[in-house]
């Protein structure tokens, strides 16, 4: 019976795979003349062997090893035990999985449509364009948000600090992908992080314009938190997709749990603060230039006419009748 033996790590990542055809005995150990050579120092030179019996089953034979043969739950396996397809054995600190050649495998995961997008934006020219647009927008927004002259050194320090954060975030996920998937995809990680950073960069100004026209400035902070959570969730989903071999459902759960957990932490203080007593009413003090106002402005004359009509509509009558009790009091006084 043909057999496949996999050397795996603790997270069940396959390190090496061996395939044996028409072989009735397979030796495993640290010595160089074994069929499977394990370099882990806790493995004996001749640790164990797998022997095919007359019934077509594979049996475990311990070759007087120092640390024995254990199951995945670290229980010692008796000598001569039958091994089934898919069982995992622990030899020292090395894990091996044994499979029959005809063991069914999982169906292929469908390739997501964003794979082509990630491949496109990872181009060096597009990366340089994204970095240039991000730095230019950061310069413009910094000038707009400061009513005084902005020092060049301060602006450069802010840009360098933000770029270091972006590069650090992309590097951490690339390192994780290198360890778990043996490919870093640094360019894709950096491009995705830059896109998310630019969305977060433009969001405050866009939200101010929408709040200015939609008259919901009192809810601006909460709405911004939710949009930030959506952007952060998409960023984490992309990072997980590029770095970890996860199923689609697991990836969605992890990215949304982390993103909305952070949003909830930031939303709790405003929620508790809203329940406190305020000595002043809440009001929207947002002011923007008329050029960003979408509706046609109203002239002072039109506003005066509209206010006059509204006043005339609710104007009280000039002659007010006195109640009967007041009339009787007047007669008594006479």
Protein backbone atom coordinates (compact mmCIF):
# COMPACT_ATOMS: atom_id res chain seq x y z
CA UNK A 1 0.00 0.00 0.00
CA UNK A 2 1.36 3.41 -0.95
CA UNK A 3 1.91 5.81 1.94
CA UNK A 4 2.48 9.55 2.34
CA UNK A 5 4.26 10.87 5.45
CA UNK A 6 4.28 14.60 6.24
CA UNK A 7 6.62 16.40 8.60
CA UNK A 8 4.56 19.21 10.15
CA UNK A 9 4.90 21.88 12.83
CA UNK A 10 2.62 22.63 15.78
CA UNK A 11 0.24 24.67 13.62
CA UNK A 12 -0.01 21.73 11.18
CA UNK A 13 1.96 23.52 8.49
CA UNK A 14 3.63 20.97 6.21
CA UNK A 15 7.42 21.29 6.32
CA UNK A 16 8.26 18.31 4.14
CA UNK A 17 6.35 15.52 2.43
CA UNK A 18 7.54 11.96 1.67
CA UNK A 19 5.82 9.47 -0.65
CA UNK A 20 6.51 5.73 -0.56
CA UNK A 21 5.43 3.21 -3.21
CA UNK A 22 5.33 -0.57 -2.74
CA UNK A 23 7.40 -0.39 0.44
CA UNK A 24 6.53 -2.61 3.41
CA UNK A 25 8.82 -0.97 5.99
CA UNK A 26 9.64 2.70 6.60
CA UNK A 27 12.31 3.71 9.12
CA UNK A 28 12.27 7.11 10.83
CA UNK A 29 15.06 8.69 12.86
CA UNK A 30 17.98 11.09 12.97
CA UNK A 31 20.50 8.77 11.32
CA UNK A 32 21.25 9.46 7.67
CA UNK A 33 20.35 5.97 6.46
CA UNK A 34 16.67 6.26 7.51
CA UNK A 35 13.87 6.59 5.00
CA UNK A 36 12.70 9.73 6.81
CA UNK A 37 15.43 11.84 8.43
CA UNK A 38 14.38 14.14 11.28
CA UNK A 39 17.02 16.60 12.48
CA UNK A 40 15.34 17.42 15.80
CA UNK A 41 17.82 16.53 18.63
CA UNK A 42 15.19 14.79 20.79
CA UNK A 43 14.66 12.19 18.04
CA UNK A 44 16.75 9.03 18.41
CA UNK A 45 19.08 7.97 15.56
CA UNK A 46 16.74 5.01 14.90
CA UNK A 47 13.52 6.10 16.50
CA UNK A 48 10.71 4.01 14.99
CA UNK A 49 9.55 2.16 11.94
CA UNK A 50 6.24 1.68 10.18
CA UNK A 51 5.63 -1.92 9.10
CA UNK A 52 2.90 -3.14 6.76
CA UNK A 53 1.27 -6.30 8.20
CA UNK A 54 -0.48 -9.12 6.36
CA UNK A 55 -3.86 -7.38 6.65
CA UNK A 56 -2.65 -4.30 4.78
CA UNK A 57 -2.45 -2.18 7.94
CA UNK A 58 0.49 -0.10 9.12
CA UNK A 59 1.87 -0.86 12.57
CA UNK A 60 4.12 1.24 14.80
CA UNK A 61 7.32 -0.34 16.13
CA UNK A 62 9.40 1.65 18.59
CA UNK A 63 13.13 0.96 18.10
CA UNK A 64 14.01 1.48 21.79
CA UNK A 65 13.93 5.25 21.33
CA UNK A 66 14.81 7.61 24.16
CA UNK A 67 11.55 9.57 24.21
CA UNK A 68 9.15 7.05 22.66
CA UNK A 69 6.32 7.57 20.22
CA UNK A 70 3.38 9.67 21.38
CA UNK A 71 0.03 10.71 19.96
CA UNK A 72 -1.00 14.28 19.27
CA UNK A 73 -2.45 14.42 22.79
CA UNK A 74 1.02 13.40 24.11
CA UNK A 75 -0.09 9.96 25.25
CA UNK A 76 2.43 7.17 24.71
CA UNK A 77 1.47 4.79 21.90
CA UNK A 78 2.03 1.08 22.67
CA UNK A 79 4.37 -0.84 20.42
CA UNK A 80 2.57 -2.66 17.61
CA UNK A 81 -0.40 -0.25 17.49
CA UNK A 82 -2.29 0.13 14.23
CA UNK A 83 -2.11 3.57 12.66
CA UNK A 84 -4.97 5.01 10.63
CA UNK A 85 -4.79 7.43 7.75
CA UNK A 86 -4.57 10.99 9.06
CA UNK A 87 -3.06 10.12 12.47
CA UNK A 88 -0.40 12.44 13.87
CA UNK A 89 2.62 11.13 15.80
CA UNK A 90 4.99 13.00 18.09
CA UNK A 91 8.64 11.94 17.94
CA UNK A 92 10.66 14.02 20.37
CA UNK A 93 9.46 17.47 19.38
CA UNK A 94 8.81 16.61 15.75
CA UNK A 95 5.32 15.94 14.41
CA UNK A 96 4.57 13.62 11.51
CA UNK A 97 1.25 12.82 9.87
CA UNK A 98 0.64 9.52 8.06
CA UNK A 99 -1.78 9.31 5.14
CA UNK A 100 -2.92 6.63 2.74
CA UNK A 101 -2.39 7.60 -0.87
CA UNK A 102 -6.13 7.40 -1.61
CA UNK A 103 -7.15 9.55 1.39
CA UNK A 104 -9.69 12.22 0.24
CA UNK A 105 -8.46 15.80 0.31
CA UNK A 106 -10.35 19.03 0.86
CA UNK A 107 -11.88 20.81 -2.11
CA UNK A 108 -9.96 23.72 -3.57
CA UNK A 109 -10.71 27.13 -2.09
CA UNK A 110 -12.10 29.54 -4.70
CA UNK A 111 -9.69 32.31 -5.63
CA UNK A 112 -11.14 35.67 -4.60
CA UNK A 113 -11.71 38.33 -7.22
CA UNK A 114 -9.49 40.79 -5.32
CA UNK A 115 -6.44 38.68 -6.15
CA UNK A 116 -6.08 40.47 -9.50
CA UNK A 117 -6.51 43.84 -7.77
CA UNK A 118 -3.77 43.06 -5.26
CA UNK A 119 -1.49 41.96 -8.08
CA UNK A 120 -2.11 45.18 -10.00
CA UNK A 121 -1.57 47.64 -7.15
CA UNK A 122 1.63 45.87 -6.08
CA UNK A 123 3.39 47.23 -9.16
CA UNK A 124 6.37 49.45 -8.20
CA UNK A 125 5.06 52.34 -10.32
CA UNK A 126 1.65 52.25 -8.67
CA UNK A 127 3.30 52.01 -5.25
CA UNK A 128 5.38 55.11 -5.93
CA UNK A 129 2.26 56.92 -7.16
CA UNK A 130 0.34 56.00 -4.01
CA UNK A 131 3.18 57.21 -1.80
CA UNK A 132 3.39 60.48 -3.74
CA UNK A 133 -0.37 61.11 -3.54
CA UNK A 134 -0.40 60.32 0.18
CA UNK A 135 2.47 62.70 0.99
CA UNK A 136 1.05 65.49 -1.19
CA UNK A 137 -2.40 65.18 0.43
CA UNK A 138 -0.83 65.15 3.90
CA UNK A 139 1.00 68.37 3.07
CA UNK A 140 -2.18 70.05 1.80
CA UNK A 141 -4.33 68.98 4.74
CA UNK A 142 -1.66 70.08 7.22
CA UNK A 143 -1.60 73.54 5.63
CA UNK A 144 -5.42 73.75 5.63
CA UNK A 145 -5.74 72.73 9.28
CA UNK A 146 -3.21 75.29 10.56
CA UNK A 147 -4.11 78.97 10.57
CA UNK A 148 -0.47 79.86 11.22
CA UNK A 149 2.53 79.22 9.00
CA UNK A 150 3.48 75.56 9.32
CA UNK A 151 7.14 74.88 10.04
CA UNK A 152 8.78 72.77 7.36
CA UNK A 153 10.64 70.65 9.92
CA UNK A 154 7.41 69.84 11.76
CA UNK A 155 5.67 68.86 8.53
CA UNK A 156 8.56 66.62 7.49
CA UNK A 157 8.63 64.96 10.91
CA UNK A 158 4.91 64.21 10.70
CA UNK A 159 5.26 62.73 7.21
CA UNK A 160 8.23 60.58 8.22
CA UNK A 161 6.40 59.38 11.33
CA UNK A 162 3.30 58.40 9.33
CA UNK A 163 5.34 56.63 6.65
CA UNK A 164 7.20 54.67 9.34
CA UNK A 165 3.86 53.51 10.78
CA UNK A 166 2.66 52.43 7.32
CA UNK A 167 5.92 50.62 6.54
CA UNK A 168 5.94 48.96 9.97
CA UNK A 169 2.36 47.72 9.61
CA UNK A 170 3.04 46.29 6.15
CA UNK A 171 6.33 44.73 7.32
CA UNK A 172 4.72 42.92 10.26
CA UNK A 173 2.08 41.33 8.04
CA UNK A 174 4.67 40.50 5.39
CA UNK A 175 6.81 38.76 8.00
CA UNK A 176 3.77 36.75 9.11
CA UNK A 177 3.11 35.74 5.52
CA UNK A 178 6.74 34.76 5.07
CA UNK A 179 6.58 32.48 8.11
CA UNK A 180 3.16 30.94 7.49
CA UNK A 181 2.86 30.92 3.69
CA UNK A 182 6.53 31.19 2.66
CA UNK A 183 5.80 34.37 0.69
CA UNK A 184 5.91 37.90 2.06
CA UNK A 185 3.99 39.87 -0.63
CA UNK A 186 5.37 43.07 0.86
CA UNK A 187 4.38 45.23 -2.12
CA UNK A 188 0.75 44.13 -1.88
CA UNK A 189 0.69 44.68 1.89
CA UNK A 190 2.19 48.14 1.48
CA UNK A 191 -0.26 49.09 -1.29
CA UNK A 192 -3.28 47.97 0.74
CA UNK A 193 -2.03 49.85 3.81
CA UNK A 194 -1.46 53.01 1.76
CA UNK A 195 -4.99 52.83 0.32
CA UNK A 196 -6.48 52.50 3.81
CA UNK A 197 -4.30 55.36 5.08
CA UNK A 198 -5.49 57.64 2.26
CA UNK A 199 -9.12 56.81 3.01
CA UNK A 200 -8.57 57.70 6.66
CA UNK A 201 -6.69 60.81 5.53
CA UNK A 202 -9.53 62.14 3.36
CA UNK A 203 -12.35 61.02 5.65
CA UNK A 204 -12.37 63.98 8.11
CA UNK A 205 -12.73 66.60 5.36
CA UNK A 206 -15.36 64.61 3.47
CA UNK A 207 -17.32 64.03 6.67
CA UNK A 208 -17.23 67.74 7.49
CA UNK A 209 -18.62 68.62 4.06
CA UNK A 210 -21.38 66.02 4.36
CA UNK A 211 -22.24 67.11 7.90
CA UNK A 212 -22.27 70.76 6.83
CA UNK A 213 -24.77 70.03 4.06
CA UNK A 214 -26.76 67.32 5.84
CA UNK A 215 -26.97 69.15 9.20
CA UNK A 216 -25.95 66.18 11.31
CA UNK A 217 -22.83 67.68 12.87
CA UNK A 218 -23.85 66.52 16.36
CA UNK A 219 -23.44 62.90 15.23
CA UNK A 220 -20.23 63.49 13.32
CA UNK A 221 -17.98 61.72 15.84
CA UNK A 222 -20.08 58.55 16.05
CA UNK A 223 -20.51 58.31 12.26
CA UNK A 224 -16.77 58.77 11.76
CA UNK A 225 -16.05 55.94 14.22
CA UNK A 226 -18.28 53.56 12.29
CA UNK A 227 -16.72 54.48 8.94
CA UNK A 228 -13.25 54.10 10.45
CA UNK A 229 -14.31 50.67 11.70
CA UNK A 230 -15.42 49.64 8.22
CA UNK A 231 -12.11 50.80 6.70
CA UNK A 232 -10.12 49.04 9.42
CA UNK A 233 -12.16 45.86 8.90
CA UNK A 234 -11.43 45.88 5.15
CA UNK A 235 -7.73 46.50 5.86
CA UNK A 236 -7.55 43.57 8.29
CA UNK A 237 -9.41 41.33 5.85
CA UNK A 238 -6.86 42.18 3.16
CA UNK A 239 -3.94 41.61 5.53
CA UNK A 240 -5.32 38.22 6.57
CA UNK A 241 -5.96 37.29 2.94
CA UNK A 242 -2.38 38.07 1.93
CA UNK A 243 -0.68 36.56 4.98
CA UNK A 244 -2.65 33.64 6.41
CA UNK A 245 -4.11 30.52 4.77
CA UNK A 246 -7.60 30.95 6.24
CA UNK A 247 -11.04 29.92 5.11
CA UNK A 248 -13.21 32.84 3.90
CA UNK A 249 -15.65 32.62 6.81
CA UNK A 250 -12.91 32.53 9.44
CA UNK A 251 -11.21 35.51 7.80
CA UNK A 252 -14.41 37.58 7.90
CA UNK A 253 -15.03 36.73 11.56
CA UNK A 254 -11.50 37.62 12.65
CA UNK A 255 -11.29 40.90 10.73
CA UNK A 256 -14.70 42.17 11.88
CA UNK A 257 -14.20 41.08 15.49
CA UNK A 258 -10.90 42.94 15.81
CA UNK A 259 -12.04 46.04 13.92
CA UNK A 260 -15.37 46.55 15.65
CA UNK A 261 -13.85 45.66 19.02
CA UNK A 262 -11.50 48.63 18.62
CA UNK A 263 -14.42 50.86 17.55
CA UNK A 264 -16.42 49.82 20.62
CA UNK A 265 -13.51 50.70 22.90
CA UNK A 266 -13.36 54.20 21.40
CA UNK A 267 -17.15 54.64 21.50
CA UNK A 268 -17.60 53.78 25.17
CA UNK A 269 -16.22 57.08 26.60
CA UNK A 270 -18.51 59.29 24.44
CA UNK A 271 -21.51 57.12 25.35
CA UNK A 272 -20.90 57.50 29.09
CA UNK A 273 -20.02 61.18 28.67
CA UNK A 274 -23.37 61.85 26.98
CA UNK A 275 -25.21 60.75 30.15
CA UNK A 276 -23.56 63.42 32.30
CA UNK A 277 -25.17 66.76 33.11
CA UNK A 278 -24.18 69.62 30.83
CA UNK A 279 -24.47 73.25 31.77
CA UNK A 280 -24.77 74.23 28.12
CA UNK A 281 -26.74 72.82 25.17
CA UNK A 282 -25.11 70.75 22.47
CA UNK A 283 -24.72 72.65 19.23
CA UNK A 284 -22.91 72.28 15.94
CA UNK A 285 -20.16 74.88 15.54
CA UNK A 286 -18.89 73.62 12.19
CA UNK A 287 -18.13 76.44 9.75
CA UNK A 288 -17.00 75.96 6.16
CA UNK A 289 -16.71 78.29 3.15
CA UNK A 290 -19.85 78.80 1.02
CA UNK A 291 -18.18 77.03 -1.91
CA UNK A 292 -18.75 73.62 -0.28
CA UNK A 293 -22.46 74.28 0.37
CA UNK A 294 -24.51 72.34 -2.15
CA UNK A 295 -27.84 74.17 -1.79
CA UNK A 296 -28.52 77.62 -3.27
CA UNK A 297 -27.92 80.26 -0.56
CA UNK A 298 -30.92 82.36 0.52
CA UNK A 299 -30.80 86.15 0.21
CA UNK A 300 -31.46 88.35 3.28
CA UNK A 301 -34.67 89.68 1.69
CA UNK A 302 -36.04 86.19 1.09
CA UNK A 303 -35.16 85.19 4.63
CA UNK A 304 -36.91 88.30 6.00
CA UNK A 305 -40.06 87.63 3.97
CA UNK A 306 -40.14 84.00 5.07
CA UNK A 307 -39.67 84.98 8.72
CA UNK A 308 -42.43 87.62 8.47
CA UNK A 309 -44.89 85.15 7.00
CA UNK A 310 -44.05 82.65 9.70
CA UNK A 311 -44.59 85.31 12.39
CA UNK A 312 -47.90 86.47 10.89
CA UNK A 313 -49.10 82.87 10.73
CA UNK A 314 -48.59 82.36 14.47
CA UNK A 315 -49.29 85.97 15.58
CA UNK A 316 -51.75 86.11 18.54
CA UNK A 317 -55.04 88.00 18.13
CA UNK A 318 -55.02 91.66 19.25
CA UNK A 319 -58.28 91.54 21.25
CA UNK A 320 -58.21 89.07 24.09
CA UNK A 321 -61.45 88.45 25.99
CA UNK A 322 -61.24 88.45 29.76
CA UNK A 323 -62.46 85.37 31.59
CA UNK A 324 -65.79 85.51 33.55
CA UNK A 325 -64.03 85.54 36.91
CA UNK A 326 -62.12 88.66 35.91
CA UNK A 327 -65.33 90.42 34.77
CA UNK A 328 -67.07 89.69 38.08
CA UNK A 329 -64.06 91.03 39.98
CA UNK A 330 -64.25 94.28 37.99
CA UNK A 331 -67.96 94.71 38.81
CA UNK A 332 -67.32 94.14 42.51
CA UNK A 333 -64.58 96.74 42.56
CA UNK A 334 -66.99 99.28 40.98
